[in-house]
């Protein structure tokens, strides 16, 4: 089980504002990455996200990606 978070980053202090969270029951992180990348462009949100991150069931960050960031 993974949590996919889409967020905006405020330029002045790098604060994050979460726009949406999606639970994903993928068995492998690579599968969750594919879903996150797909949803980044297609999920309807109040604003366009700056980045996406994937958390495990404990809330630990496993992956972060944004158009201006390199893939992890």
N, C-alpha and C. Protein backbone atom coordinates (compact mmCIF):
# COMPACT_ATOMS: atom_id res chain seq x y z
N UNK A 1 0.84 -1.18 0.00
CA UNK A 1 0.00 0.00 0.00
C UNK A 1 0.88 1.24 0.00
N UNK A 2 0.60 2.14 -0.92
CA UNK A 2 1.34 3.38 -1.04
C UNK A 2 0.36 4.55 -1.01
N UNK A 3 0.85 5.71 -0.61
CA UNK A 3 0.09 6.95 -0.68
C UNK A 3 0.80 7.83 -1.70
N UNK A 4 0.06 8.29 -2.69
CA UNK A 4 0.60 9.20 -3.70
C UNK A 4 0.08 10.60 -3.35
N UNK A 5 1.00 11.53 -3.15
CA UNK A 5 0.65 12.91 -2.82
C UNK A 5 1.06 13.85 -3.95
N UNK A 6 0.16 14.72 -4.32
CA UNK A 6 0.44 15.75 -5.31
C UNK A 6 0.47 17.07 -4.56
N UNK A 7 1.51 17.87 -4.81
CA UNK A 7 1.66 19.09 -4.01
C UNK A 7 2.22 20.25 -4.81
N UNK A 8 2.00 21.45 -4.27
CA UNK A 8 2.59 22.69 -4.77
C UNK A 8 3.72 23.07 -3.84
N UNK A 9 4.72 23.76 -4.36
CA UNK A 9 5.84 24.21 -3.55
C UNK A 9 5.89 25.74 -3.63
N UNK A 10 5.84 26.39 -2.47
CA UNK A 10 5.92 27.85 -2.42
C UNK A 10 7.38 28.25 -2.61
N UNK A 11 7.62 29.12 -3.57
CA UNK A 11 8.98 29.50 -3.93
C UNK A 11 9.76 30.23 -2.86
N UNK A 12 9.07 30.99 -2.00
CA UNK A 12 9.79 31.82 -1.03
C UNK A 12 10.44 31.00 0.09
N UNK A 13 9.79 29.94 0.52
CA UNK A 13 10.33 29.16 1.64
C UNK A 13 10.26 27.65 1.44
N UNK A 14 9.90 27.22 0.22
CA UNK A 14 9.82 25.80 -0.11
C UNK A 14 8.75 25.04 0.68
N UNK A 15 7.78 25.75 1.26
CA UNK A 15 6.69 25.10 1.97
C UNK A 15 5.84 24.30 0.97
N UNK A 16 5.32 23.15 1.40
CA UNK A 16 4.51 22.28 0.56
C UNK A 16 3.04 22.41 0.92
N UNK A 17 2.20 22.46 -0.09
CA UNK A 17 0.75 22.44 0.10
C UNK A 17 0.22 21.22 -0.65
N UNK A 18 -0.34 20.28 0.06
CA UNK A 18 -0.85 19.06 -0.56
C UNK A 18 -2.17 19.37 -1.26
N UNK A 19 -2.24 19.03 -2.54
CA UNK A 19 -3.44 19.23 -3.34
C UNK A 19 -4.35 18.01 -3.32
N UNK A 20 -3.74 16.83 -3.30
CA UNK A 20 -4.52 15.59 -3.36
C UNK A 20 -3.67 14.44 -2.87
N UNK A 21 -4.34 13.47 -2.25
CA UNK A 21 -3.69 12.21 -1.84
C UNK A 21 -4.51 11.07 -2.43
N UNK A 22 -3.81 10.08 -2.96
CA UNK A 22 -4.46 8.91 -3.55
C UNK A 22 -3.82 7.67 -2.96
N UNK A 23 -4.64 6.76 -2.46
CA UNK A 23 -4.10 5.47 -2.00
C UNK A 23 -3.91 4.57 -3.20
N UNK A 24 -2.81 3.85 -3.22
CA UNK A 24 -2.51 2.93 -4.32
C UNK A 24 -2.14 1.59 -3.73
N UNK A 25 -2.78 0.52 -4.19
CA UNK A 25 -2.53 -0.81 -3.63
C UNK A 25 -1.52 -1.61 -4.45
N UNK A 26 -0.65 -0.91 -5.17
CA UNK A 26 0.39 -1.59 -5.96
C UNK A 26 1.28 -2.42 -5.04
N UNK A 27 1.78 -3.51 -5.56
CA UNK A 27 2.66 -4.39 -4.79
C UNK A 27 4.10 -3.90 -4.81
N UNK A 28 4.49 -3.21 -5.87
CA UNK A 28 5.87 -2.76 -6.03
C UNK A 28 5.91 -1.24 -6.22
N UNK A 29 6.99 -0.62 -5.75
CA UNK A 29 7.17 0.82 -5.89
C UNK A 29 7.15 1.24 -7.35
N UNK A 30 7.75 0.46 -8.23
CA UNK A 30 7.79 0.81 -9.65
C UNK A 30 6.38 0.93 -10.23
N UNK A 31 5.46 0.07 -9.79
CA UNK A 31 4.08 0.16 -10.25
C UNK A 31 3.41 1.42 -9.73
N UNK A 32 3.69 1.78 -8.49
CA UNK A 32 3.13 3.01 -7.91
C UNK A 32 3.69 4.24 -8.64
N UNK A 33 4.96 4.19 -9.05
CA UNK A 33 5.55 5.30 -9.81
C UNK A 33 4.83 5.50 -11.13
N UNK A 34 4.52 4.41 -11.81
CA UNK A 34 3.82 4.49 -13.10
C UNK A 34 2.46 5.14 -12.90
N UNK A 35 1.74 4.72 -11.88
CA UNK A 35 0.42 5.30 -11.61
C UNK A 35 0.54 6.78 -11.25
N UNK A 36 1.51 7.12 -10.40
CA UNK A 36 1.70 8.51 -9.99
C UNK A 36 1.99 9.41 -11.19
N UNK A 37 2.84 8.96 -12.08
CA UNK A 37 3.19 9.76 -13.25
C UNK A 37 1.98 9.94 -14.16
N UNK A 38 1.18 8.89 -14.29
CA UNK A 38 -0.03 8.98 -15.10
C UNK A 38 -1.03 9.96 -14.49
N UNK A 39 -1.24 9.85 -13.18
CA UNK A 39 -2.18 10.73 -12.50
C UNK A 39 -1.71 12.17 -12.46
N UNK A 40 -0.41 12.40 -12.50
CA UNK A 40 0.13 13.75 -12.45
C UNK A 40 -0.47 14.60 -13.57
N UNK A 41 -0.66 14.02 -14.73
CA UNK A 41 -1.18 14.74 -15.89
C UNK A 41 -2.70 14.66 -16.01
N UNK A 42 -3.34 13.66 -15.40
CA UNK A 42 -4.76 13.42 -15.68
C UNK A 42 -5.71 13.67 -14.51
N UNK A 43 -5.22 13.63 -13.28
CA UNK A 43 -6.09 13.78 -12.12
C UNK A 43 -6.58 15.23 -12.02
N UNK A 44 -7.87 15.40 -11.83
CA UNK A 44 -8.45 16.74 -11.70
C UNK A 44 -8.20 17.23 -10.28
N UNK A 45 -7.47 18.36 -10.18
CA UNK A 45 -7.14 18.96 -8.88
C UNK A 45 -7.42 20.46 -8.95
N UNK A 46 -7.53 21.13 -7.81
CA UNK A 46 -7.82 22.56 -7.82
C UNK A 46 -6.73 23.40 -8.49
N UNK A 47 -5.50 22.92 -8.48
CA UNK A 47 -4.37 23.59 -9.13
C UNK A 47 -3.49 22.53 -9.75
N UNK A 48 -2.63 22.93 -10.67
CA UNK A 48 -1.66 22.01 -11.25
C UNK A 48 -0.56 21.77 -10.22
N UNK A 49 -0.24 20.52 -9.90
CA UNK A 49 0.81 20.27 -8.91
C UNK A 49 2.20 20.60 -9.46
N UNK A 50 3.10 20.90 -8.53
CA UNK A 50 4.50 21.11 -8.89
C UNK A 50 5.26 19.79 -8.87
N UNK A 51 4.80 18.87 -8.03
CA UNK A 51 5.52 17.61 -7.86
C UNK A 51 4.60 16.55 -7.27
N UNK A 52 5.10 15.34 -7.26
CA UNK A 52 4.40 14.20 -6.68
C UNK A 52 5.39 13.45 -5.80
N UNK A 53 4.89 12.86 -4.73
CA UNK A 53 5.75 12.00 -3.92
C UNK A 53 4.95 10.76 -3.54
N UNK A 54 5.69 9.70 -3.27
CA UNK A 54 5.09 8.44 -2.87
C UNK A 54 5.59 8.11 -1.48
N UNK A 55 4.65 7.78 -0.61
CA UNK A 55 4.93 7.41 0.77
C UNK A 55 4.56 5.95 0.98
N UNK A 56 5.25 5.30 1.91
CA UNK A 56 4.84 3.94 2.29
C UNK A 56 3.76 4.03 3.36
N UNK A 57 3.30 2.89 3.85
CA UNK A 57 2.22 2.86 4.83
C UNK A 57 2.61 3.46 6.18
N UNK A 58 3.90 3.66 6.40
CA UNK A 58 4.38 4.32 7.63
C UNK A 58 4.54 5.83 7.46
N UNK A 59 4.34 6.32 6.25
CA UNK A 59 4.51 7.74 5.99
C UNK A 59 5.92 8.12 5.57
N UNK A 60 6.77 7.13 5.34
CA UNK A 60 8.15 7.40 4.90
C UNK A 60 8.17 7.69 3.40
N UNK A 61 8.89 8.73 3.00
CA UNK A 61 8.99 9.13 1.61
C UNK A 61 9.88 8.16 0.85
N UNK A 62 9.34 7.63 -0.27
CA UNK A 62 10.08 6.66 -1.08
C UNK A 62 10.51 7.23 -2.43
N UNK A 63 9.78 8.22 -2.91
CA UNK A 63 10.02 8.74 -4.26
C UNK A 63 9.45 10.15 -4.35
N UNK A 64 10.18 11.04 -5.01
CA UNK A 64 9.71 12.41 -5.29
C UNK A 64 10.05 12.72 -6.73
N UNK A 65 9.08 13.32 -7.44
CA UNK A 65 9.33 13.71 -8.82
C UNK A 65 8.53 14.96 -9.14
N UNK A 66 9.11 15.82 -9.93
CA UNK A 66 8.43 16.99 -10.48
C UNK A 66 9.08 17.31 -11.81
N UNK A 67 8.39 18.02 -12.67
CA UNK A 67 8.95 18.34 -13.99
C UNK A 67 10.32 19.03 -13.90
N UNK A 68 10.56 19.77 -12.84
CA UNK A 68 11.85 20.47 -12.68
C UNK A 68 12.84 19.66 -11.86
N UNK A 69 12.44 18.46 -11.41
CA UNK A 69 13.30 17.64 -10.56
C UNK A 69 13.73 16.39 -11.32
N UNK A 70 14.91 15.87 -11.05
CA UNK A 70 15.32 14.61 -11.67
C UNK A 70 14.57 13.46 -11.02
N UNK A 71 14.41 12.36 -11.74
CA UNK A 71 13.77 11.17 -11.18
C UNK A 71 14.66 10.55 -10.13
N UNK A 72 14.02 9.94 -9.13
CA UNK A 72 14.79 9.25 -8.08
C UNK A 72 14.81 7.76 -8.34
